[in-house]
Amino acid sequence: MSKITKKTNPQLISLIVRLKDQSHTENAAIWKTVANRLDKPTRAHPRVNLGQISRHTVEGEVILVPGKVLGSGLLNHAVTVAALAFSESAKARITDNGGEAITISTLMDAVPKGTNVRIMG
């Protein structure tokens, strides 16, 4: 018999609830998709390197990572990256290239309908 576990991080729980509410009020499926991915076990959250972001994005794009952004690889253009967490080196490299490293909540406030936001990871 397997043990049923629940999320215990209060910030993560409130973020998931807020994402689902935003999805319902703005009729934006992107927020529900992100909420469902964050509701999975932490080991299932993606870890995305800057090299991957650099290869699959263009200048000025907005990327959402429902997990952690790591500093491995080179980032050669400015992008806005919203994620659950950032390594210190990833955050520094993003800002050094003229981009922004923001939280998912901040992105949700800036782009309530989630238009022109791409999920990566």
C-alpha atoms as a PDB file:
ATOM      1  CA  MET A   1       0.000   0.000   0.000  1.00  0.00           C
ATOM      2  CA  SER A   2       1.507   3.330  -1.024  1.00  0.00           C
ATOM      3  CA  LYS A   3       1.562   6.371   1.183  1.00  0.00           C
ATOM      4  CA  ILE A   4      -0.428   9.399   0.017  1.00  0.00           C
ATOM      5  CA  THR A   5       1.488  12.629   0.458  1.00  0.00           C
ATOM      6  CA  LYS A   6       0.418  16.215   0.117  1.00  0.00           C
ATOM      7  CA  LYS A   7       2.296  19.449  -0.514  1.00  0.00           C
ATOM      8  CA  THR A   8       3.599  21.016   2.691  1.00  0.00           C
ATOM      9  CA  ASN A   9       5.230  24.207   1.372  1.00  0.00           C
ATOM     10  CA  PRO A  10       2.669  26.966   2.100  1.00  0.00           C
ATOM     11  CA  GLN A  11       4.102  29.313  -0.565  1.00  0.00           C
ATOM     12  CA  LEU A  12       3.816  26.617  -3.238  1.00  0.00           C
ATOM     13  CA  ILE A  13       0.284  25.710  -2.151  1.00  0.00           C
ATOM     14  CA  SER A  14      -0.843  29.353  -2.324  1.00  0.00           C
ATOM     15  CA  LEU A  15       0.841  29.773  -5.736  1.00  0.00           C
ATOM     16  CA  ILE A  16      -1.016  26.735  -7.100  1.00  0.00           C
ATOM     17  CA  VAL A  17      -4.337  28.040  -5.775  1.00  0.00           C
ATOM     18  CA  ARG A  18      -3.632  31.490  -7.216  1.00  0.00           C
ATOM     19  CA  LEU A  19      -2.707  30.008 -10.609  1.00  0.00           C
ATOM     20  CA  LYS A  20      -5.967  28.049 -10.742  1.00  0.00           C
ATOM     21  CA  ASP A  21      -7.976  31.140  -9.747  1.00  0.00           C
ATOM     22  CA  GLN A  22      -6.212  33.243 -12.391  1.00  0.00           C
ATOM     23  CA  SER A  23      -6.919  30.563 -15.004  1.00  0.00           C
ATOM     24  CA  HIS A  24     -10.607  30.634 -14.144  1.00  0.00           C
ATOM     25  CA  THR A  25     -11.047  34.428 -13.946  1.00  0.00           C
ATOM     26  CA  GLU A  26      -8.993  35.246 -17.070  1.00  0.00           C
ATOM     27  CA  ASN A  27     -10.033  32.125 -19.023  1.00  0.00           C
ATOM     28  CA  ALA A  28      -6.335  31.425 -19.631  1.00  0.00           C
ATOM     29  CA  ALA A  29      -5.446  27.729 -19.858  1.00  0.00           C
ATOM     30  CA  ILE A  30      -1.706  28.394 -19.445  1.00  0.00           C
ATOM     31  CA  TRP A  31      -2.074  29.098 -15.711  1.00  0.00           C
ATOM     32  CA  LYS A  32      -4.048  25.878 -15.122  1.00  0.00           C
ATOM     33  CA  THR A  33      -1.377  23.908 -17.009  1.00  0.00           C
ATOM     34  CA  VAL A  34       1.365  25.406 -14.824  1.00  0.00           C
ATOM     35  CA  ALA A  35      -0.676  24.772 -11.643  1.00  0.00           C
ATOM     36  CA  ASN A  36      -1.162  21.122 -12.585  1.00  0.00           C
ATOM     37  CA  ARG A  37       2.563  20.691 -13.287  1.00  0.00           C
ATOM     38  CA  LEU A  38       3.505  22.312  -9.947  1.00  0.00           C
ATOM     39  CA  ASP A  39       1.018  20.074  -8.158  1.00  0.00           C
ATOM     40  CA  LYS A  40       3.077  17.013  -9.149  1.00  0.00           C
ATOM     41  CA  PRO A  41       5.886  15.709  -6.906  1.00  0.00           C
ATOM     42  CA  THR A  42       8.914  18.009  -6.641  1.00  0.00           C
ATOM     43  CA  ARG A  43      11.134  15.420  -8.312  1.00  0.00           C
ATOM     44  CA  ALA A  44       8.926  15.768 -11.416  1.00  0.00           C
ATOM     45  CA  HIS A  45       9.532  19.537 -11.645  1.00  0.00           C
ATOM     46  CA  PRO A  46      11.813  20.325 -14.590  1.00  0.00           C
ATOM     47  CA  ARG A  47      15.353  21.624 -14.226  1.00  0.00           C
ATOM     48  CA  VAL A  48      16.275  23.754 -17.227  1.00  0.00           C
ATOM     49  CA  ASN A  49      19.800  24.946 -18.035  1.00  0.00           C
ATOM     50  CA  LEU A  50      20.543  28.347 -19.549  1.00  0.00           C
ATOM     51  CA  GLY A  51      22.022  26.597 -22.583  1.00  0.00           C
ATOM     52  CA  GLN A  52      18.624  25.035 -23.317  1.00  0.00           C
ATOM     53  CA  ILE A  53      16.908  28.403 -22.928  1.00  0.00           C
ATOM     54  CA  SER A  54      19.429  30.021 -25.272  1.00  0.00           C
ATOM     55  CA  ARG A  55      19.003  27.342 -27.961  1.00  0.00           C
ATOM     56  CA  HIS A  56      15.210  27.394 -27.972  1.00  0.00           C
ATOM     57  CA  THR A  57      14.427  31.117 -27.607  1.00  0.00           C
ATOM     58  CA  VAL A  58      14.872  34.389 -29.445  1.00  0.00           C
ATOM     59  CA  GLU A  59      15.677  37.876 -28.164  1.00  0.00           C
ATOM     60  CA  GLY A  60      12.944  39.364 -25.972  1.00  0.00           C
ATOM     61  CA  GLU A  61      10.924  36.176 -25.506  1.00  0.00           C
ATOM     62  CA  VAL A  62       9.103  35.400 -22.245  1.00  0.00           C
ATOM     63  CA  ILE A  63       9.705  31.898 -20.859  1.00  0.00           C
ATOM     64  CA  LEU A  64       8.042  30.187 -17.905  1.00  0.00           C
ATOM     65  CA  VAL A  65       9.782  27.249 -16.208  1.00  0.00           C
ATOM     66  CA  PRO A  66       7.560  25.350 -13.722  1.00  0.00           C
ATOM     67  CA  GLY A  67      10.672  24.256 -11.840  1.00  0.00           C
ATOM     68  CA  LYS A  68      14.261  25.445 -11.398  1.00  0.00           C
ATOM     69  CA  VAL A  69      16.567  27.296 -13.799  1.00  0.00           C
ATOM     70  CA  LEU A  70      20.217  26.232 -13.558  1.00  0.00           C
ATOM     71  CA  GLY A  71      23.278  28.223 -14.677  1.00  0.00           C
ATOM     72  CA  SER A  72      24.921  25.652 -16.970  1.00  0.00           C
ATOM     73  CA  GLY A  73      25.509  26.769 -20.554  1.00  0.00           C
ATOM     74  CA  LEU A  74      25.757  30.131 -22.238  1.00  0.00           C
ATOM     75  CA  LEU A  75      22.951  32.624 -22.675  1.00  0.00           C
ATOM     76  CA  ASN A  76      23.662  34.960 -25.574  1.00  0.00           C
ATOM     77  CA  HIS A  77      20.532  37.123 -25.730  1.00  0.00           C
ATOM     78  CA  ALA A  78      18.109  38.902 -23.403  1.00  0.00           C
ATOM     79  CA  VAL A  79      15.030  36.938 -22.327  1.00  0.00           C
ATOM     80  CA  THR A  80      12.569  37.207 -19.475  1.00  0.00           C
ATOM     81  CA  VAL A  81      12.484  33.999 -17.468  1.00  0.00           C
ATOM     82  CA  ALA A  82       9.864  33.266 -14.823  1.00  0.00           C
ATOM     83  CA  ALA A  83      10.460  30.200 -12.666  1.00  0.00           C
ATOM     84  CA  LEU A  84       9.722  28.592  -9.347  1.00  0.00           C
ATOM     85  CA  ALA A  85      13.431  28.869  -8.422  1.00  0.00           C
ATOM     86  CA  PHE A  86      16.769  30.019  -9.851  1.00  0.00           C
ATOM     87  CA  SER A  87      20.327  29.080  -9.029  1.00  0.00           C
ATOM     88  CA  GLU A  88      22.444  32.109  -8.138  1.00  0.00           C
ATOM     89  CA  SER A  89      24.584  31.727 -11.272  1.00  0.00           C
ATOM     90  CA  ALA A  90      21.520  31.460 -13.521  1.00  0.00           C
ATOM     91  CA  LYS A  91      19.976  34.612 -12.092  1.00  0.00           C
ATOM     92  CA  ALA A  92      23.269  36.508 -12.484  1.00  0.00           C
ATOM     93  CA  ARG A  93      23.780  35.375 -16.093  1.00  0.00           C
ATOM     94  CA  ILE A  94      20.218  36.256 -17.103  1.00  0.00           C
ATOM     95  CA  THR A  95      20.507  39.778 -15.705  1.00  0.00           C
ATOM     96  CA  ASP A  96      24.046  40.226 -17.104  1.00  0.00           C
ATOM     97  CA  ASN A  97      22.651  39.622 -20.605  1.00  0.00           C
ATOM     98  CA  GLY A  98      19.951  42.278 -20.149  1.00  0.00           C
ATOM     99  CA  GLY A  99      17.165  39.839 -19.322  1.00  0.00           C
ATOM    100  CA  GLU A 100      14.967  39.447 -16.277  1.00  0.00           C
ATOM    101  CA  ALA A 101      14.686  36.604 -13.773  1.00  0.00           C
ATOM    102  CA  ILE A 102      11.258  36.884 -12.122  1.00  0.00           C
ATOM    103  CA  THR A 103       8.876  34.756 -10.092  1.00  0.00           C
ATOM    104  CA  ILE A 104       5.804  33.073 -11.538  1.00  0.00           C
ATOM    105  CA  SER A 105       3.589  35.365  -9.415  1.00  0.00           C
ATOM    106  CA  THR A 106       5.243  38.455 -10.879  1.00  0.00           C
ATOM    107  CA  LEU A 107       4.684  37.148 -14.402  1.00  0.00           C
ATOM    108  CA  MET A 108       1.061  36.387 -13.589  1.00  0.00           C
ATOM    109  CA  ASP A 109       0.562  39.989 -12.431  1.00  0.00           C
ATOM    110  CA  ALA A 110       2.329  41.405 -15.518  1.00  0.00           C
ATOM    111  CA  VAL A 111       0.568  39.182 -18.078  1.00  0.00           C
ATOM    112  CA  PRO A 112      -2.796  38.126 -16.568  1.00  0.00           C
ATOM    113  CA  LYS A 113      -4.000  36.315 -19.706  1.00  0.00           C
ATOM    114  CA  GLY A 114      -0.631  34.614 -20.289  1.00  0.00           C
ATOM    115  CA  THR A 115      -0.335  35.792 -23.880  1.00  0.00           C
ATOM    116  CA  ASN A 116       3.063  35.419 -25.573  1.00  0.00           C
ATOM    117  CA  VAL A 117       4.375  33.306 -22.675  1.00  0.00           C
ATOM    118  CA  ARG A 118       5.975  29.966 -23.507  1.00  0.00           C
ATOM    119  CA  ILE A 119       6.350  27.077 -21.050  1.00  0.00           C
ATOM    120  CA  MET A 120       9.722  25.349 -21.161  1.00  0.00           C
ATOM    121  CA  GLY A 121      10.709  22.168 -19.380  1.00  0.00           C
END
